[in-house]
Amino acid sequence: MGSAVEVILLDTSVLIALRKKNDVHHQVAVESLERYRGKVAISTITLTESLIQPMQQSGAIGRELALAITNSLDHIYDFTAAMAIEAAEIRSQGKLTMADAMISATAGAHQAQLWTLDTKLAKAHKGARLLA
């Protein structure tokens, strides 16, 4: 009973696939999450990225989605100065976008397994789970 509860950190690609039924990865994202029994988290960076398109439709739609996302997760991790330093190091290696480097740093800081649909991110983040 002394083992820590495992936490997964969803990448933006997974969060969007879960939300959009017409997304090519929707089914695999839903099924993967249904089988998972631990805590589910995202980074504030993922929250921001996932709200851009809905906010373009309308602020009300974006805020409604933000509330739904917030209520459906165990944690939303803030991005800290220590994570910024780690993200800069990850990004300096030139393999990831800044947002992906920030999400990777967040997963690392919280010892969470990163779930993604992005092959490049999965290869760059040790221990990531590529869902598709």
N, C-alpha and C. Protein backbone atom coordinates (compact mmCIF):
# COMPACT_ATOMS: atom_id res chain seq x y z
N MET A 1 0.82 -1.19 0.00
CA MET A 1 0.00 0.00 0.00
C MET A 1 0.86 1.25 0.00
N GLY A 2 2.19 1.13 0.09
CA GLY A 2 3.08 2.26 0.15
C GLY A 2 3.44 2.85 -1.20
N SER A 3 3.00 2.29 -2.29
CA SER A 3 3.38 2.81 -3.61
C SER A 3 2.58 4.06 -3.96
N ALA A 4 3.25 4.97 -4.66
CA ALA A 4 2.62 6.23 -5.04
C ALA A 4 1.59 5.98 -6.14
N VAL A 5 0.58 6.82 -6.16
CA VAL A 5 -0.44 6.74 -7.19
C VAL A 5 0.16 7.24 -8.50
N GLU A 6 0.03 6.45 -9.55
CA GLU A 6 0.56 6.85 -10.85
C GLU A 6 -0.33 7.93 -11.46
N VAL A 7 0.32 8.89 -12.08
CA VAL A 7 -0.39 9.98 -12.74
C VAL A 7 0.02 9.99 -14.21
N ILE A 8 -0.96 10.18 -15.08
CA ILE A 8 -0.63 10.39 -16.49
C ILE A 8 -0.88 11.86 -16.81
N LEU A 9 -0.07 12.38 -17.71
CA LEU A 9 -0.22 13.74 -18.18
C LEU A 9 -0.59 13.65 -19.66
N LEU A 10 -1.77 14.14 -19.99
CA LEU A 10 -2.22 14.10 -21.37
C LEU A 10 -1.63 15.25 -22.16
N ASP A 11 -1.08 14.94 -23.31
CA ASP A 11 -0.62 15.96 -24.25
C ASP A 11 -1.85 16.58 -24.92
N THR A 12 -1.67 17.74 -25.49
CA THR A 12 -2.77 18.44 -26.16
C THR A 12 -3.41 17.57 -27.24
N SER A 13 -2.61 16.81 -27.96
CA SER A 13 -3.15 15.96 -29.04
C SER A 13 -4.17 14.96 -28.49
N VAL A 14 -3.93 14.43 -27.32
CA VAL A 14 -4.86 13.47 -26.71
C VAL A 14 -6.12 14.18 -26.24
N LEU A 15 -5.95 15.32 -25.60
CA LEU A 15 -7.11 16.06 -25.10
C LEU A 15 -8.04 16.46 -26.24
N ILE A 16 -7.47 16.91 -27.34
CA ILE A 16 -8.28 17.30 -28.51
C ILE A 16 -8.96 16.07 -29.11
N ALA A 17 -8.24 14.96 -29.21
CA ALA A 17 -8.84 13.73 -29.76
C ALA A 17 -9.99 13.25 -28.89
N LEU A 18 -9.87 13.39 -27.59
CA LEU A 18 -10.95 12.99 -26.69
C LEU A 18 -12.19 13.84 -26.91
N ARG A 19 -11.99 15.11 -27.17
CA ARG A 19 -13.09 16.06 -27.30
C ARG A 19 -13.79 15.98 -28.66
N LYS A 20 -13.04 15.68 -29.72
CA LYS A 20 -13.61 15.71 -31.08
C LYS A 20 -13.92 14.30 -31.57
N LYS A 21 -15.19 14.00 -31.68
CA LYS A 21 -15.60 12.66 -32.10
C LYS A 21 -15.18 12.33 -33.53
N ASN A 22 -14.96 13.35 -34.36
CA ASN A 22 -14.55 13.10 -35.74
C ASN A 22 -13.03 13.04 -35.90
N ASP A 23 -12.29 13.18 -34.80
CA ASP A 23 -10.83 13.08 -34.85
C ASP A 23 -10.44 11.63 -35.14
N VAL A 24 -9.46 11.45 -36.00
CA VAL A 24 -9.03 10.10 -36.40
C VAL A 24 -8.55 9.28 -35.19
N HIS A 25 -8.11 9.93 -34.13
CA HIS A 25 -7.60 9.22 -32.95
C HIS A 25 -8.60 9.20 -31.78
N HIS A 26 -9.81 9.66 -32.01
CA HIS A 26 -10.80 9.75 -30.93
C HIS A 26 -11.00 8.40 -30.23
N GLN A 27 -11.24 7.36 -30.99
CA GLN A 27 -11.58 6.06 -30.41
C GLN A 27 -10.43 5.50 -29.57
N VAL A 28 -9.21 5.58 -30.08
CA VAL A 28 -8.07 5.04 -29.33
C VAL A 28 -7.84 5.86 -28.06
N ALA A 29 -8.05 7.16 -28.12
CA ALA A 29 -7.88 8.00 -26.93
C ALA A 29 -8.93 7.65 -25.88
N VAL A 30 -10.18 7.52 -26.30
CA VAL A 30 -11.26 7.17 -25.38
C VAL A 30 -11.02 5.81 -24.75
N GLU A 31 -10.69 4.82 -25.57
CA GLU A 31 -10.49 3.46 -25.05
C GLU A 31 -9.29 3.40 -24.10
N SER A 32 -8.23 4.09 -24.41
CA SER A 32 -7.04 4.11 -23.54
C SER A 32 -7.39 4.71 -22.18
N LEU A 33 -8.11 5.79 -22.19
CA LEU A 33 -8.47 6.46 -20.94
C LEU A 33 -9.48 5.64 -20.13
N GLU A 34 -10.39 4.96 -20.82
CA GLU A 34 -11.37 4.11 -20.12
C GLU A 34 -10.69 2.97 -19.37
N ARG A 35 -9.58 2.46 -19.91
CA ARG A 35 -8.86 1.35 -19.28
C ARG A 35 -7.95 1.82 -18.14
N TYR A 36 -7.65 3.09 -18.09
CA TYR A 36 -6.71 3.62 -17.10
C TYR A 36 -7.42 3.85 -15.77
N ARG A 37 -6.78 3.49 -14.67
CA ARG A 37 -7.42 3.59 -13.36
C ARG A 37 -6.73 4.57 -12.41
N GLY A 38 -5.72 5.29 -12.85
CA GLY A 38 -5.02 6.23 -11.97
C GLY A 38 -5.52 7.66 -12.15
N LYS A 39 -4.70 8.59 -11.72
CA LYS A 39 -5.04 10.01 -11.82
C LYS A 39 -4.66 10.56 -13.19
N VAL A 40 -5.46 11.50 -13.66
CA VAL A 40 -5.26 12.10 -14.99
C VAL A 40 -5.04 13.60 -14.83
N ALA A 41 -3.99 14.10 -15.48
CA ALA A 41 -3.63 15.50 -15.37
C ALA A 41 -3.28 16.07 -16.74
N ILE A 42 -3.24 17.40 -16.80
CA ILE A 42 -2.70 18.11 -17.96
C ILE A 42 -1.87 19.27 -17.43
N SER A 43 -1.11 19.86 -18.33
CA SER A 43 -0.36 21.07 -18.04
C SER A 43 -1.24 22.28 -18.39
N THR A 44 -0.97 23.40 -17.75
CA THR A 44 -1.68 24.63 -18.14
C THR A 44 -1.39 24.94 -19.61
N ILE A 45 -0.26 24.49 -20.12
CA ILE A 45 0.08 24.70 -21.53
C ILE A 45 -0.91 23.94 -22.41
N THR A 46 -1.23 22.70 -22.04
CA THR A 46 -2.21 21.90 -22.77
C THR A 46 -3.59 22.55 -22.71
N LEU A 47 -3.95 23.07 -21.55
CA LEU A 47 -5.24 23.77 -21.44
C LEU A 47 -5.29 24.94 -22.41
N THR A 48 -4.23 25.73 -22.44
CA THR A 48 -4.18 26.88 -23.35
C THR A 48 -4.30 26.44 -24.81
N GLU A 49 -3.48 25.46 -25.20
CA GLU A 49 -3.51 25.01 -26.60
C GLU A 49 -4.87 24.47 -27.01
N SER A 50 -5.50 23.73 -26.11
CA SER A 50 -6.78 23.10 -26.45
C SER A 50 -7.94 24.10 -26.53
N LEU A 51 -7.74 25.29 -25.99
CA LEU A 51 -8.82 26.29 -26.00
C LEU A 51 -8.73 27.29 -27.15
N ILE A 52 -7.65 27.28 -27.89
CA ILE A 52 -7.47 28.28 -28.96
C ILE A 52 -8.57 28.20 -30.00
N GLN A 53 -8.79 27.03 -30.58
CA GLN A 53 -9.82 26.89 -31.62
C GLN A 53 -11.23 27.17 -31.08
N PRO A 54 -11.61 26.65 -29.92
CA PRO A 54 -12.93 27.00 -29.38
C PRO A 54 -13.08 28.50 -29.10
N MET A 55 -12.02 29.15 -28.64
CA MET A 55 -12.08 30.59 -28.39
C MET A 55 -12.25 31.38 -29.69
N GLN A 56 -11.73 30.83 -30.79
CA GLN A 56 -11.92 31.48 -32.08
C GLN A 56 -13.39 31.45 -32.49
N GLN A 57 -14.10 30.41 -32.07
CA GLN A 57 -15.54 30.34 -32.32
C GLN A 57 -16.26 31.39 -31.49
N SER A 58 -16.00 31.37 -30.17
CA SER A 58 -16.54 32.40 -29.28
C SER A 58 -15.93 32.22 -27.89
N GLY A 59 -15.83 33.33 -27.19
CA GLY A 59 -15.31 33.28 -25.83
C GLY A 59 -16.16 32.41 -24.93
N ALA A 60 -17.47 32.45 -25.14
CA ALA A 60 -18.38 31.64 -24.31
C ALA A 60 -18.13 30.15 -24.52
N ILE A 61 -17.94 29.74 -25.76
CA ILE A 61 -17.66 28.33 -26.06
C ILE A 61 -16.34 27.92 -25.40
N GLY A 62 -15.33 28.78 -25.53
CA GLY A 62 -14.03 28.48 -24.94
C GLY A 62 -14.09 28.37 -23.43
N ARG A 63 -14.79 29.28 -22.77
CA ARG A 63 -14.91 29.23 -21.31
C ARG A 63 -15.72 28.02 -20.86
N GLU A 64 -16.74 27.65 -21.60
CA GLU A 64 -17.54 26.46 -21.28
C GLU A 64 -16.67 25.21 -21.37
N LEU A 65 -15.87 25.12 -22.43
CA LEU A 65 -14.97 23.98 -22.58
C LEU A 65 -13.92 23.96 -21.47
N ALA A 66 -13.38 25.13 -21.12
CA ALA A 66 -12.39 25.21 -20.05
C ALA A 66 -12.96 24.66 -18.74
N LEU A 67 -14.19 25.01 -18.44
CA LEU A 67 -14.85 24.50 -17.23
C LEU A 67 -15.03 22.98 -17.31
N ALA A 68 -15.46 22.48 -18.46
CA ALA A 68 -15.65 21.04 -18.64
C ALA A 68 -14.32 20.29 -18.47
N ILE A 69 -13.27 20.82 -19.06
CA ILE A 69 -11.94 20.18 -18.94
C ILE A 69 -11.49 20.19 -17.49
N THR A 70 -11.59 21.33 -16.85
CA THR A 70 -11.17 21.47 -15.45
C THR A 70 -11.90 20.49 -14.55
N ASN A 71 -13.19 20.33 -14.77
CA ASN A 71 -14.00 19.44 -13.93
C ASN A 71 -13.77 17.96 -14.21
N SER A 72 -13.15 17.62 -15.33
CA SER A 72 -12.99 16.21 -15.70
C SER A 72 -11.62 15.63 -15.33
N LEU A 73 -10.73 16.46 -14.79
CA LEU A 73 -9.36 16.02 -14.50
C LEU A 73 -9.07 16.02 -13.01
N ASP A 74 -8.06 15.25 -12.64
CA ASP A 74 -7.61 15.25 -11.25
C ASP A 74 -6.70 16.44 -10.95
N HIS A 75 -5.88 16.84 -11.95
CA HIS A 75 -4.93 17.93 -11.74
C HIS A 75 -4.74 18.72 -13.03
N ILE A 76 -4.50 20.01 -12.88
CA ILE A 76 -3.96 20.84 -13.95
C ILE A 76 -2.73 21.48 -13.35
N TYR A 77 -1.56 21.08 -13.86
CA TYR A 77 -0.30 21.54 -13.29
C TYR A 77 0.10 22.90 -13.86
N ASP A 78 0.41 23.82 -12.95
CA ASP A 78 0.95 25.12 -13.35
C ASP A 78 2.36 24.94 -13.90
N PHE A 79 2.77 25.87 -14.72
CA PHE A 79 4.12 25.86 -15.29
C PHE A 79 4.99 26.77 -14.43
N THR A 80 6.07 26.23 -13.89
CA THR A 80 6.92 26.95 -12.94
C THR A 80 8.24 27.39 -13.58
N ALA A 81 8.98 28.20 -12.85
CA ALA A 81 10.29 28.65 -13.31
C ALA A 81 11.25 27.47 -13.50
N ALA A 82 11.21 26.51 -12.58
CA ALA A 82 12.08 25.33 -12.72
C ALA A 82 11.73 24.55 -13.99
N MET A 83 10.45 24.45 -14.29
CA MET A 83 10.02 23.77 -15.52
C MET A 83 10.45 24.57 -16.75
N ALA A 84 10.44 25.88 -16.64
CA ALA A 84 10.86 26.74 -17.76
C ALA A 84 12.32 26.48 -18.12
N ILE A 85 13.14 26.32 -17.09
CA ILE A 85 14.56 26.03 -17.32
C ILE A 85 14.72 24.67 -18.00
N GLU A 86 13.99 23.68 -17.51
CA GLU A 86 14.03 22.34 -18.12
C GLU A 86 13.51 22.38 -19.56
N ALA A 87 12.42 23.10 -19.78
CA ALA A 87 11.85 23.21 -21.13
C ALA A 87 12.83 23.88 -22.09
N ALA A 88 13.54 24.88 -21.61
CA ALA A 88 14.54 25.55 -22.45
C ALA A 88 15.64 24.57 -22.84
N GLU A 89 16.05 23.74 -21.90
CA GLU A 89 17.07 22.74 -22.22
C GLU A 89 16.55 21.74 -23.24
N ILE A 90 15.33 21.27 -23.05
CA ILE A 90 14.71 20.33 -23.99
C ILE A 90 14.59 20.98 -25.37
N ARG A 91 14.10 22.21 -25.41
CA ARG A 91 13.90 22.92 -26.67
C ARG A 91 15.22 23.22 -27.36
N SER A 92 16.28 23.46 -26.59
CA SER A 92 17.59 23.78 -27.17
C SER A 92 18.15 22.63 -27.99
N GLN A 93 17.65 21.44 -27.73
CA GLN A 93 18.09 20.27 -28.49
C GLN A 93 17.44 20.24 -29.87
N GLY A 94 16.46 21.13 -30.10
CA GLY A 94 15.90 21.36 -31.42
C GLY A 94 14.93 20.35 -31.95
N LYS A 95 14.48 19.42 -31.13
CA LYS A 95 13.61 18.37 -31.64
C LYS A 95 12.13 18.63 -31.42
N LEU A 96 11.80 19.54 -30.49
CA LEU A 96 10.40 19.77 -30.16
C LEU A 96 10.04 21.24 -30.29
N THR A 97 8.75 21.49 -30.46
CA THR A 97 8.25 22.86 -30.39
C THR A 97 8.36 23.34 -28.95
N MET A 98 8.24 24.63 -28.75
CA MET A 98 8.31 25.16 -27.38
C MET A 98 7.19 24.58 -26.52
N ALA A 99 5.97 24.53 -27.06
CA ALA A 99 4.84 24.00 -26.28
C ALA A 99 5.09 22.54 -25.89
N ASP A 100 5.58 21.73 -26.82
CA ASP A 100 5.85 20.33 -26.50
C ASP A 100 6.98 20.20 -25.47
N ALA A 101 7.99 21.05 -25.57
CA ALA A 101 9.07 21.03 -24.58
C ALA A 101 8.53 21.39 -23.20
N MET A 102 7.61 22.34 -23.15
CA MET A 102 7.00 22.75 -21.88
C MET A 102 6.15 21.63 -21.29
N ILE A 103 5.40 20.93 -22.12
CA ILE A 103 4.58 19.81 -21.66
C ILE A 103 5.46 18.66 -21.19
N SER A 104 6.53 18.39 -21.92
CA SER A 104 7.48 17.36 -21.52
C SER A 104 8.11 17.69 -20.17
N ALA A 105 8.51 18.95 -19.98
CA ALA A 105 9.09 19.37 -18.71
C ALA A 105 8.09 19.24 -17.56
N THR A 106 6.84 19.53 -17.83
CA THR A 106 5.80 19.41 -16.81
C THR A 106 5.63 17.94 -16.40
N ALA A 107 5.58 17.05 -17.38
CA ALA A 107 5.46 15.62 -17.06
C ALA A 107 6.64 15.15 -16.23
N GLY A 108 7.83 15.57 -16.61
CA GLY A 108 9.03 15.19 -15.87
C GLY A 108 9.03 15.71 -14.45
N ALA A 109 8.62 16.95 -14.27
CA ALA A 109 8.62 17.56 -12.94
C ALA A 109 7.66 16.86 -11.99
N HIS A 110 6.59 16.29 -12.55
CA HIS A 110 5.58 15.63 -11.71
C HIS A 110 5.67 14.12 -11.76
N GLN A 111 6.72 13.62 -12.40
CA GLN A 111 6.94 12.17 -12.53
C GLN A 111 5.69 11.48 -13.06
N ALA A 112 5.08 12.12 -14.05
CA ALA A 112 3.87 11.58 -14.67
C ALA A 112 4.24 10.95 -16.01
N GLN A 113 3.54 9.89 -16.37
CA GLN A 113 3.74 9.31 -17.69
C GLN A 113 3.02 10.20 -18.70
N LEU A 114 3.74 10.61 -19.73
CA LEU A 114 3.16 11.46 -20.76
C LEU A 114 2.47 10.59 -21.81
N TRP A 115 1.19 10.88 -22.04
CA TRP A 115 0.43 10.21 -23.10
C TRP A 115 0.29 11.19 -24.25
N THR A 116 0.61 10.73 -25.46
CA THR A 116 0.57 11.60 -26.62
C THR A 116 0.18 10.82 -27.87
N LEU A 117 -0.24 11.58 -28.87
CA LEU A 117 -0.49 11.03 -30.21
C LEU A 117 0.57 11.55 -31.18
N ASP A 118 1.54 12.27 -30.67
CA ASP A 118 2.59 12.91 -31.45
C ASP A 118 3.86 12.04 -31.40
N THR A 119 4.21 11.43 -32.51
CA THR A 119 5.37 10.54 -32.58
C THR A 119 6.66 11.24 -32.17
N LYS A 120 6.84 12.45 -32.62
CA LYS A 120 8.06 13.20 -32.31
C LYS A 120 8.18 13.45 -30.80
N LEU A 121 7.09 13.83 -30.17
CA LEU A 121 7.09 14.06 -28.73
C LEU A 121 7.32 12.75 -27.98
N ALA A 122 6.69 11.68 -28.41
CA ALA A 122 6.86 10.38 -27.76
C ALA A 122 8.31 9.92 -27.81
N LYS A 123 8.98 10.15 -28.94
CA LYS A 123 10.38 9.75 -29.07
C LYS A 123 11.29 10.62 -28.21
N ALA A 124 10.96 11.89 -28.06
CA ALA A 124 11.82 12.82 -27.32
C ALA A 124 11.66 12.72 -25.81
N HIS A 125 10.50 12.26 -25.35
CA HIS A 125 10.24 12.20 -23.91
C HIS A 125 10.36 10.77 -23.42
N LYS A 126 11.39 10.49 -22.65
CA LYS A 126 11.63 9.14 -22.15
C LYS A 126 10.44 8.66 -21.33
N GLY A 127 9.94 7.48 -21.66
CA GLY A 127 8.85 6.88 -20.92
C GLY A 127 7.45 7.29 -21.39
N ALA A 128 7.39 8.11 -22.45
CA ALA A 128 6.08 8.53 -22.97
C ALA A 128 5.35 7.34 -23.58
N ARG A 129 4.05 7.43 -23.58
CA ARG A 129 3.21 6.40 -24.21
C ARG A 129 2.57 6.99 -25.45
N LEU A 130 2.90 6.44 -26.60
CA LEU A 130 2.31 6.84 -27.87
C LEU A 130 1.03 6.04 -28.06
N LEU A 131 -0.11 6.72 -28.09
CA LEU A 131 -1.40 6.03 -28.14
C LEU A 131 -1.75 5.53 -29.53
N ALA A 132 -1.19 6.13 -30.57
CA ALA A 132 -1.54 5.70 -31.93
C ALA A 132 -0.32 5.72 -32.82
